[in-house]
Amino acid sequence: MNNTLKHWKEAATLILAARTSHGNLPYIQQQARVQNHQNNTFDYEVLLLKRSQKSGFMPNAFVFPGGNVEPSDFSSDWIKVFSRYEQKPNFGLGLVKQHDNRSPMFTTDRSKFGSLIPGEVATRICAIRETFEESGILLVVPENFNSEDNQNLIDITDHDKEEISKWRQEVQRNPSQFIQMCRMMRCMPNIWALKEWSNWLTPVFSQGLKSRRFDTAFFICCLNAKPAVSDDKKEVTSFKWWTPVEALEDYKCHKIWIPPPQFYEISRLCHFAPINELHKFIISRSLEGCEQWMPVIAQCEDGIVHTLPGDDLYPEEPDLTGEKQTVVCSNETIQNLVQKGGCFHRVVVIDGTPTLLVNIKPKYKHINPLTTELQSKNKL
């Protein structure tokens, strides 16, 4: 692991989209407002897990499965598990374009810290391991698997339920047991099924406040069918599969709470009704990479604005460490800020109701989230 990290921990999360219907549903061009969508146009659902009320980070939030990167995710013992791909760049993942703003969790030379496992591989191992721990979904392939056959929607391999249950408990107790499990089962984490999607760094909420922060890699994977899920009754207390629109509607109605990164990413998915279209888009940009985003908070008279890179309110040189960065305060209303025009890349929250305002051009062949109409406080 990168032992120089002192301001945050590294983490990984997985957006799992699973087909719910094999019918050829028509693709309806998405409109500007989420409420105009018809849920029956989506032939897939996304898995969200509810964090425990006792969780020290985002209690009661509905999130994608994922968690902290562990030292064992960077263990050189994985070399034997992936022996077939040891000599290939990034273990056969391909070479992602290395632009100036690419996240340090991917660009850091891990060999300087004693690991032979690249960041792109270790973070995927983490996402797969955490998904297994939290939901029971195991994304592995046989040790003789050919990664070039991994361009279609993923089918989950059936395993002995009793054996998998025992291994799940072992991995929950000790993450390094994930390596031993793969050895004994003669399988590999299916790192090739996970495509790089985004990278979010927890914002600084107040100068000097020692809040928990995470640099989180977001991966995405499309499944051919919904697998069985079981929460762990520890970190996760419940789960649900939603279409992207249904999840956003429940959030806007205050039935559930979804953190800003998940809200943003689910809003991106709203552009893709058929899972085949989503999968095609994911594959088309899988080697484009992404940049690290740290929201900078602006406290307005009537709400909060989470500004992102490219927004006119976003600092030219944000303090990622949090040693100097403070929350920006404004005496203006959010509506007044919007009326000034300019470049918007922000999540606006008024009385707990979120709104996305985005008019910038996305980078790295990505897509902007579906935006919604801003409502002033007196309309809510």
Protein backbone atom coordinates (compact mmCIF):
# COMPACT_ATOMS: atom_id res chain seq x y z
CA MET A 1 0.00 0.00 0.00
CA ASN A 2 0.99 3.64 -0.28
CA ASN A 3 2.28 4.28 3.23
CA THR A 4 2.71 8.00 2.58
CA LEU A 5 -1.05 8.54 2.70
CA LYS A 6 -1.97 10.41 5.85
CA HIS A 7 -4.94 12.56 4.89
CA TRP A 8 -7.24 9.79 3.68
CA LYS A 9 -7.56 6.07 3.14
CA GLU A 10 -7.86 4.34 -0.20
CA ALA A 11 -11.11 2.54 -0.98
CA ALA A 12 -12.95 0.92 -3.87
CA THR A 13 -16.61 0.47 -4.70
CA LEU A 14 -18.54 -1.42 -7.37
CA ILE A 15 -21.60 -0.34 -9.33
CA LEU A 16 -23.42 -3.59 -10.15
CA ALA A 17 -26.03 -3.32 -12.91
CA ALA A 18 -27.96 -6.56 -13.47
CA ARG A 19 -30.36 -7.44 -16.27
CA THR A 20 -33.93 -7.96 -15.13
CA SER A 21 -35.57 -8.74 -18.48
CA HIS A 22 -34.32 -10.46 -21.61
CA GLY A 23 -36.93 -8.77 -23.77
CA ASN A 24 -35.94 -6.24 -26.42
CA LEU A 25 -37.39 -3.19 -24.77
CA PRO A 26 -37.45 0.01 -26.83
CA TYR A 27 -34.89 2.67 -25.99
CA ILE A 28 -36.62 5.95 -25.17
CA GLN A 29 -34.53 9.08 -25.47
CA GLN A 30 -34.18 10.50 -21.98
CA GLN A 31 -35.80 13.86 -21.23
CA ALA A 32 -34.42 16.70 -19.15
CA ARG A 33 -36.32 15.79 -16.01
CA VAL A 34 -36.11 12.51 -14.12
CA GLN A 35 -39.82 12.44 -13.36
CA ASN A 36 -40.58 12.19 -17.09
CA HIS A 37 -38.82 8.82 -17.31
CA GLN A 38 -40.80 5.63 -17.51
CA ASN A 39 -39.37 2.98 -15.23
CA ASN A 40 -40.50 0.17 -17.51
CA THR A 41 -37.99 1.26 -20.16
CA PHE A 42 -35.13 0.03 -17.98
CA ASP A 43 -34.25 -3.63 -18.33
CA TYR A 44 -31.73 -3.60 -15.48
CA GLU A 45 -31.44 -2.65 -11.83
CA VAL A 46 -28.57 -1.41 -9.67
CA LEU A 47 -27.67 -2.87 -6.28
CA LEU A 48 -27.61 -0.53 -3.28
CA LEU A 49 -26.77 -1.58 0.27
CA LYS A 50 -27.92 0.21 3.41
CA ARG A 51 -25.13 0.95 5.84
CA SER A 52 -25.63 0.21 9.50
CA GLN A 53 -26.89 2.94 11.81
CA LYS A 54 -23.79 2.25 13.92
CA SER A 55 -21.43 2.86 11.00
CA GLY A 56 -18.77 5.48 11.65
CA PHE A 57 -19.04 6.72 8.06
CA MET A 58 -22.32 7.62 6.35
CA PRO A 59 -24.66 5.68 8.69
CA ASN A 60 -28.03 4.67 7.17
CA ALA A 61 -26.88 5.67 3.68
CA PHE A 62 -27.67 3.55 0.63
CA VAL A 63 -24.41 2.97 -1.20
CA PHE A 64 -22.78 0.67 -3.73
CA PRO A 65 -20.91 -2.28 -2.21
CA GLY A 66 -17.31 -1.48 -1.36
CA GLY A 67 -14.87 -0.55 1.38
CA ASN A 68 -11.30 0.12 2.44
CA VAL A 69 -8.32 -1.18 0.52
CA GLU A 70 -6.48 -3.64 2.77
CA PRO A 71 -2.75 -4.47 2.75
CA SER A 72 -3.66 -7.97 1.55
CA ASP A 73 -5.14 -6.48 -1.64
CA PHE A 74 -1.59 -5.44 -2.53
CA SER A 75 -0.02 -8.69 -1.32
CA SER A 76 2.54 -10.18 -3.70
CA ASP A 77 0.88 -13.54 -2.98
CA TRP A 78 -1.63 -12.55 -5.66
CA ILE A 79 1.12 -13.11 -8.24
CA LYS A 80 0.61 -16.87 -7.99
CA VAL A 81 -3.17 -16.53 -8.24
CA PHE A 82 -2.80 -14.43 -11.40
CA SER A 83 0.25 -16.34 -12.69
CA ARG A 84 -1.28 -16.65 -16.15
CA TYR A 85 -1.39 -12.85 -16.46
CA GLU A 86 1.71 -11.89 -14.50
CA GLN A 87 3.67 -10.86 -17.60
CA LYS A 88 0.85 -8.88 -19.21
CA PRO A 89 0.51 -5.10 -18.61
CA ASN A 90 -1.70 -4.57 -15.56
CA PHE A 91 -2.44 -8.30 -15.54
CA GLY A 92 -4.28 -8.08 -18.86
CA LEU A 93 -6.43 -5.09 -17.94
CA GLY A 94 -4.90 -3.00 -20.70
CA LEU A 95 -3.11 0.32 -20.44
CA VAL A 96 -5.29 3.24 -19.41
CA LYS A 97 -4.35 6.63 -20.83
CA GLN A 98 -2.22 8.44 -18.26
CA HIS A 99 -3.38 12.05 -18.28
CA ASP A 100 -2.11 14.76 -15.91
CA ASN A 101 -5.12 14.61 -13.60
CA ARG A 102 -5.24 10.84 -13.22
CA SER A 103 -5.72 9.72 -9.65
CA PRO A 104 -2.59 8.95 -7.58
CA MET A 105 -4.21 5.70 -6.48
CA PHE A 106 -3.65 4.50 -10.05
CA THR A 107 -0.43 6.34 -10.96
CA THR A 108 1.58 5.59 -7.80
CA ASP A 109 4.40 3.12 -8.39
CA ARG A 110 3.55 0.52 -5.77
CA SER A 111 6.89 -1.26 -6.15
CA LYS A 112 8.41 1.63 -4.19
CA PHE A 113 6.33 0.48 -1.24
CA GLY A 114 7.14 -3.20 -1.61
CA SER A 115 4.21 -4.41 -3.71
CA LEU A 116 4.26 -5.99 -7.16
CA ILE A 117 0.50 -5.45 -7.57
CA PRO A 118 -0.47 -2.33 -9.59
CA GLY A 119 -3.07 0.02 -8.16
CA GLU A 120 -5.50 -0.81 -10.98
CA VAL A 121 -5.39 -4.47 -9.93
CA ALA A 122 -5.40 -4.07 -6.14
CA THR A 123 -8.36 -1.69 -6.11
CA ARG A 124 -10.35 -4.12 -8.25
CA ILE A 125 -9.46 -6.96 -5.89
CA CYS A 126 -10.67 -4.75 -3.05
CA ALA A 127 -13.99 -3.97 -4.76
CA ILE A 128 -14.61 -7.67 -5.49
CA ARG A 129 -13.63 -8.75 -1.97
CA GLU A 130 -15.78 -6.09 -0.29
CA THR A 131 -18.73 -6.94 -2.54
CA PHE A 132 -18.37 -10.57 -1.47
CA GLU A 133 -18.14 -9.66 2.22
CA GLU A 134 -21.11 -7.28 2.18
CA SER A 135 -23.51 -8.94 -0.25
CA GLY A 136 -22.34 -12.52 -0.78
CA ILE A 137 -21.90 -11.89 -4.53
CA LEU A 138 -18.66 -13.53 -5.65
CA LEU A 139 -17.13 -12.29 -8.90
CA VAL A 140 -14.51 -14.92 -9.68
CA VAL A 141 -13.48 -16.97 -12.72
CA PRO A 142 -11.62 -20.29 -13.10
CA GLU A 143 -7.82 -20.13 -13.03
CA ASN A 144 -7.70 -21.09 -16.74
CA PHE A 145 -9.99 -18.20 -17.70
CA ASN A 146 -9.24 -16.21 -20.85
CA SER A 147 -9.73 -12.50 -20.14
CA GLU A 148 -10.33 -11.82 -23.84
CA ASP A 149 -13.66 -13.65 -23.50
CA ASN A 150 -14.84 -11.10 -20.94
CA GLN A 151 -16.44 -8.48 -23.20
CA ASN A 152 -20.05 -9.63 -22.73
CA LEU A 153 -22.39 -9.25 -19.78
CA ILE A 154 -21.07 -11.26 -16.86
CA ASP A 155 -22.59 -14.51 -15.63
CA ILE A 156 -22.03 -15.31 -11.95
CA THR A 157 -20.49 -18.77 -11.49
CA ASP A 158 -22.44 -21.11 -9.23
CA HIS A 159 -20.56 -22.49 -6.22
CA ASP A 160 -21.42 -24.71 -3.30
CA LYS A 161 -23.47 -22.45 -1.01
CA GLU A 162 -22.16 -23.95 2.21
CA GLU A 163 -18.55 -23.65 1.10
CA ILE A 164 -19.05 -20.05 -0.05
CA SER A 165 -20.77 -19.14 3.21
CA LYS A 166 -17.82 -20.46 5.22
CA TRP A 167 -15.31 -18.59 3.09
CA ARG A 168 -17.34 -15.40 3.37
CA GLN A 169 -17.11 -15.57 7.15
CA GLU A 170 -13.38 -16.23 6.95
CA VAL A 171 -12.80 -13.26 4.65
CA GLN A 172 -14.91 -11.02 6.87
CA ARG A 173 -12.72 -11.97 9.83
CA ASN A 174 -9.48 -11.66 7.90
CA PRO A 175 -9.32 -10.06 4.40
CA SER A 176 -6.11 -11.94 3.59
CA GLN A 177 -8.19 -15.14 3.54
CA PHE A 178 -9.51 -13.98 0.18
CA ILE A 179 -6.17 -15.02 -1.31
CA GLN A 180 -6.37 -18.42 0.34
CA MET A 181 -9.95 -18.87 -0.84
CA CYS A 182 -8.93 -18.25 -4.46
CA ARG A 183 -6.06 -20.73 -4.14
CA MET A 184 -8.24 -23.45 -2.66
CA MET A 185 -11.07 -22.88 -5.14
CA ARG A 186 -8.59 -22.53 -8.03
CA CYS A 187 -10.13 -19.29 -9.19
CA MET A 188 -9.24 -15.63 -9.72
CA PRO A 189 -11.08 -12.42 -8.87
CA ASN A 190 -12.66 -11.32 -12.14
CA ILE A 191 -10.79 -8.02 -12.29
CA TRP A 192 -11.40 -7.82 -16.07
CA ALA A 193 -15.17 -7.50 -15.55
CA LEU A 194 -14.69 -4.27 -13.58
CA LYS A 195 -14.30 -1.15 -15.72
CA GLU A 196 -12.97 2.12 -14.38
CA TRP A 197 -15.81 4.62 -13.97
CA SER A 198 -14.90 7.48 -11.62
CA ASN A 199 -12.81 8.51 -8.61
CA TRP A 200 -14.17 10.50 -5.65
CA LEU A 201 -12.22 11.99 -2.75
CA THR A 202 -14.19 12.81 0.40
CA PRO A 203 -14.47 16.60 0.73
CA VAL A 204 -13.15 18.71 3.57
CA PHE A 205 -16.12 19.84 5.63
CA SER A 206 -14.29 22.11 8.05
CA GLN A 207 -10.69 23.18 8.55
CA GLY A 208 -9.13 21.32 11.44
CA LEU A 209 -11.98 18.82 11.67
CA LYS A 210 -10.53 15.32 11.64
CA SER A 211 -13.28 13.64 9.65
CA ARG A 212 -12.84 10.29 7.94
CA ARG A 213 -11.85 10.73 4.32
CA PHE A 214 -11.52 8.22 1.49
CA ASP A 215 -10.06 8.27 -1.99
CA THR A 216 -12.48 5.88 -3.66
CA ALA A 217 -12.21 4.20 -7.03
CA PHE A 218 -15.63 3.58 -8.59
CA PHE A 219 -15.81 0.57 -10.90
CA ILE A 220 -18.81 -0.69 -12.85
CA CYS A 221 -19.86 -4.14 -14.02
CA CYS A 222 -22.89 -5.37 -15.99
CA LEU A 223 -24.38 -8.74 -15.05
CA ASN A 224 -26.54 -10.95 -17.23
CA ALA A 225 -28.95 -11.66 -14.36
CA LYS A 226 -29.54 -10.61 -10.77
CA PRO A 227 -27.56 -12.84 -8.39
CA ALA A 228 -28.70 -13.85 -4.93
CA VAL A 229 -27.82 -11.28 -2.26
CA SER A 230 -27.59 -11.60 1.51
CA ASP A 231 -26.57 -8.74 3.79
CA ASP A 232 -23.92 -9.35 6.42
CA LYS A 233 -26.03 -8.00 9.34
CA LYS A 234 -22.98 -6.01 10.41
CA GLU A 235 -21.87 -3.21 8.11
CA VAL A 236 -24.91 -3.79 5.89
CA THR A 237 -28.43 -4.09 7.33
CA SER A 238 -30.49 -4.35 4.13
CA PHE A 239 -30.27 -4.12 0.36
CA LYS A 240 -32.40 -3.39 -2.66
CA TRP A 241 -32.20 -3.53 -6.44
CA TRP A 242 -33.52 -0.34 -8.07
CA THR A 243 -33.73 0.98 -11.60
CA PRO A 244 -31.69 4.22 -11.68
CA VAL A 245 -34.85 6.31 -11.90
CA GLU A 246 -36.57 4.51 -9.01
CA ALA A 247 -33.56 5.06 -6.75
CA LEU A 248 -33.50 8.78 -7.54
CA GLU A 249 -37.24 9.14 -7.05
CA ASP A 250 -37.08 7.49 -3.61
CA TYR A 251 -34.19 9.77 -2.68
CA LYS A 252 -36.00 12.92 -3.81
CA CYS A 253 -39.06 11.82 -1.83
CA HIS A 254 -36.82 11.42 1.26
CA LYS A 255 -37.56 7.70 1.51
CA ILE A 256 -33.85 6.93 1.44
CA TRP A 257 -30.59 8.84 1.64
CA ILE A 258 -27.96 8.50 -1.08
CA PRO A 259 -24.60 10.31 -0.68
CA PRO A 260 -23.63 12.84 -3.40
CA PRO A 261 -21.17 10.56 -5.30
CA GLN A 262 -23.77 7.79 -5.59
CA PHE A 263 -26.44 10.34 -6.52
CA TYR A 264 -24.20 11.69 -9.28
CA GLU A 265 -23.27 8.27 -10.67
CA ILE A 266 -26.82 6.92 -10.60
CA SER A 267 -27.89 10.05 -12.49
CA ARG A 268 -25.34 9.17 -15.17
CA LEU A 269 -26.92 5.74 -15.57
CA CYS A 270 -30.30 7.35 -16.33
CA HIS A 271 -29.09 8.00 -19.89
CA PHE A 272 -29.02 4.25 -20.57
CA ALA A 273 -32.31 2.36 -20.46
CA PRO A 274 -31.19 -0.97 -22.01
CA ILE A 275 -28.32 -2.65 -20.22
CA ASN A 276 -26.72 -3.49 -23.57
CA GLU A 277 -26.43 0.24 -24.30
CA LEU A 278 -24.87 0.84 -20.88
CA HIS A 279 -22.44 -2.03 -21.35
CA LYS A 280 -21.48 -0.80 -24.82
CA PHE A 281 -20.72 2.65 -23.42
CA ILE A 282 -18.68 1.20 -20.54
CA ILE A 283 -16.54 -0.86 -22.91
CA SER A 284 -16.06 2.07 -25.32
CA ARG A 285 -14.38 4.24 -22.68
CA SER A 286 -12.84 1.55 -20.47
CA LEU A 287 -9.25 2.69 -21.15
CA GLU A 288 -9.93 6.44 -21.08
CA GLY A 289 -9.50 6.69 -17.33
CA CYS A 290 -10.85 9.41 -15.08
CA GLU A 291 -9.64 12.18 -12.82
CA GLN A 292 -9.89 12.52 -9.07
CA TRP A 293 -12.82 14.67 -7.95
CA MET A 294 -12.96 16.29 -4.54
CA PRO A 295 -16.15 18.32 -4.00
CA VAL A 296 -15.59 21.75 -2.46
CA ILE A 297 -18.50 22.80 -0.27
CA ALA A 298 -20.15 26.20 -0.61
CA GLN A 299 -22.57 27.18 2.16
CA CYS A 300 -25.26 29.49 0.79
CA GLU A 301 -28.11 31.34 2.48
CA ASP A 302 -30.65 28.66 1.64
CA GLY A 303 -28.67 25.49 1.10
CA ILE A 304 -25.41 23.77 0.28
CA VAL A 305 -23.59 23.54 -3.03
CA HIS A 306 -21.10 20.73 -3.70
CA THR A 307 -18.91 22.20 -6.45
CA LEU A 308 -16.85 19.95 -8.72
CA PRO A 309 -13.94 20.56 -11.13
CA GLY A 310 -14.97 22.78 -14.03
CA ASP A 311 -17.52 24.78 -12.04
CA ASP A 312 -16.96 28.55 -11.88
CA LEU A 313 -17.08 28.37 -8.08
CA TYR A 314 -14.47 25.61 -7.89
CA PRO A 315 -11.00 26.77 -6.70
CA GLU A 316 -8.20 26.74 -9.26
CA GLU A 317 -5.97 24.92 -6.79
CA PRO A 318 -8.11 23.15 -4.19
CA ASP A 319 -6.35 22.02 -1.03
CA LEU A 320 -6.83 18.27 -1.21
CA THR A 321 -5.16 17.69 2.16
CA GLY A 322 -7.67 19.75 4.11
CA GLU A 323 -4.96 21.60 6.01
CA LYS A 324 -6.02 24.98 4.60
CA GLN A 325 -9.29 24.42 2.78
CA THR A 326 -12.41 25.75 4.47
CA VAL A 327 -16.04 25.67 3.47
CA VAL A 328 -16.84 28.62 1.21
CA CYS A 329 -19.63 30.78 2.62
CA SER A 330 -21.91 33.04 0.60
CA ASN A 331 -24.68 35.42 1.64
CA GLU A 332 -26.42 34.79 -1.66
CA THR A 333 -29.16 32.32 -2.38
CA ILE A 334 -28.50 29.37 -4.64
CA GLN A 335 -30.97 30.74 -7.18
CA ASN A 336 -29.04 34.03 -7.36
CA LEU A 337 -25.81 32.16 -8.00
CA VAL A 338 -27.47 30.20 -10.79
CA GLN A 339 -28.93 33.31 -12.42
CA LYS A 340 -25.41 34.69 -12.84
CA GLY A 341 -24.81 31.93 -15.38
CA GLY A 342 -21.43 30.47 -16.25
CA CYS A 343 -20.06 26.96 -16.01
CA PHE A 344 -21.98 24.67 -13.68
CA HIS A 345 -20.74 21.39 -12.27
CA ARG A 346 -22.43 21.13 -8.92
CA VAL A 347 -24.78 19.21 -6.65
CA VAL A 348 -27.22 21.57 -4.93
CA VAL A 349 -29.03 20.53 -1.74
CA ILE A 350 -31.95 22.61 -0.42
CA ASP A 351 -33.86 21.24 2.58
CA GLY A 352 -32.40 17.82 1.90
CA THR A 353 -33.59 17.78 -1.71
CA PRO A 354 -30.73 17.31 -4.21
CA THR A 355 -30.43 18.86 -7.65
CA LEU A 356 -27.73 18.41 -10.27
CA LEU A 357 -26.65 21.43 -12.31
CA VAL A 358 -24.16 20.48 -15.00
CA ASN A 359 -23.42 22.24 -18.29
CA ILE A 360 -19.71 21.51 -18.71
CA LYS A 361 -18.32 19.17 -21.35
CA PRO A 362 -17.35 15.83 -19.79
CA LYS A 363 -13.78 14.61 -20.14
CA TYR A 364 -12.37 11.23 -21.12
CA LYS A 365 -15.35 10.26 -23.31
CA HIS A 366 -17.58 10.13 -20.23
CA ILE A 367 -21.16 11.37 -19.96
CA ASN A 368 -22.71 14.03 -17.75
CA PRO A 369 -25.42 13.02 -15.29
CA LEU A 370 -29.03 13.58 -16.15
CA THR A 371 -29.83 17.00 -14.71
CA THR A 372 -33.01 18.20 -13.05
CA GLU A 373 -34.81 21.49 -12.68
CA LEU A 374 -33.68 23.63 -9.76
CA GLN A 375 -36.44 24.45 -7.31
CA SER A 376 -36.12 27.38 -4.92
CA LYS A 377 -36.67 26.84 -1.22
CA ASN A 378 -40.11 28.42 -1.21
CA LYS A 379 -41.24 25.96 -3.90
CA LEU A 380 -40.22 22.91 -1.96
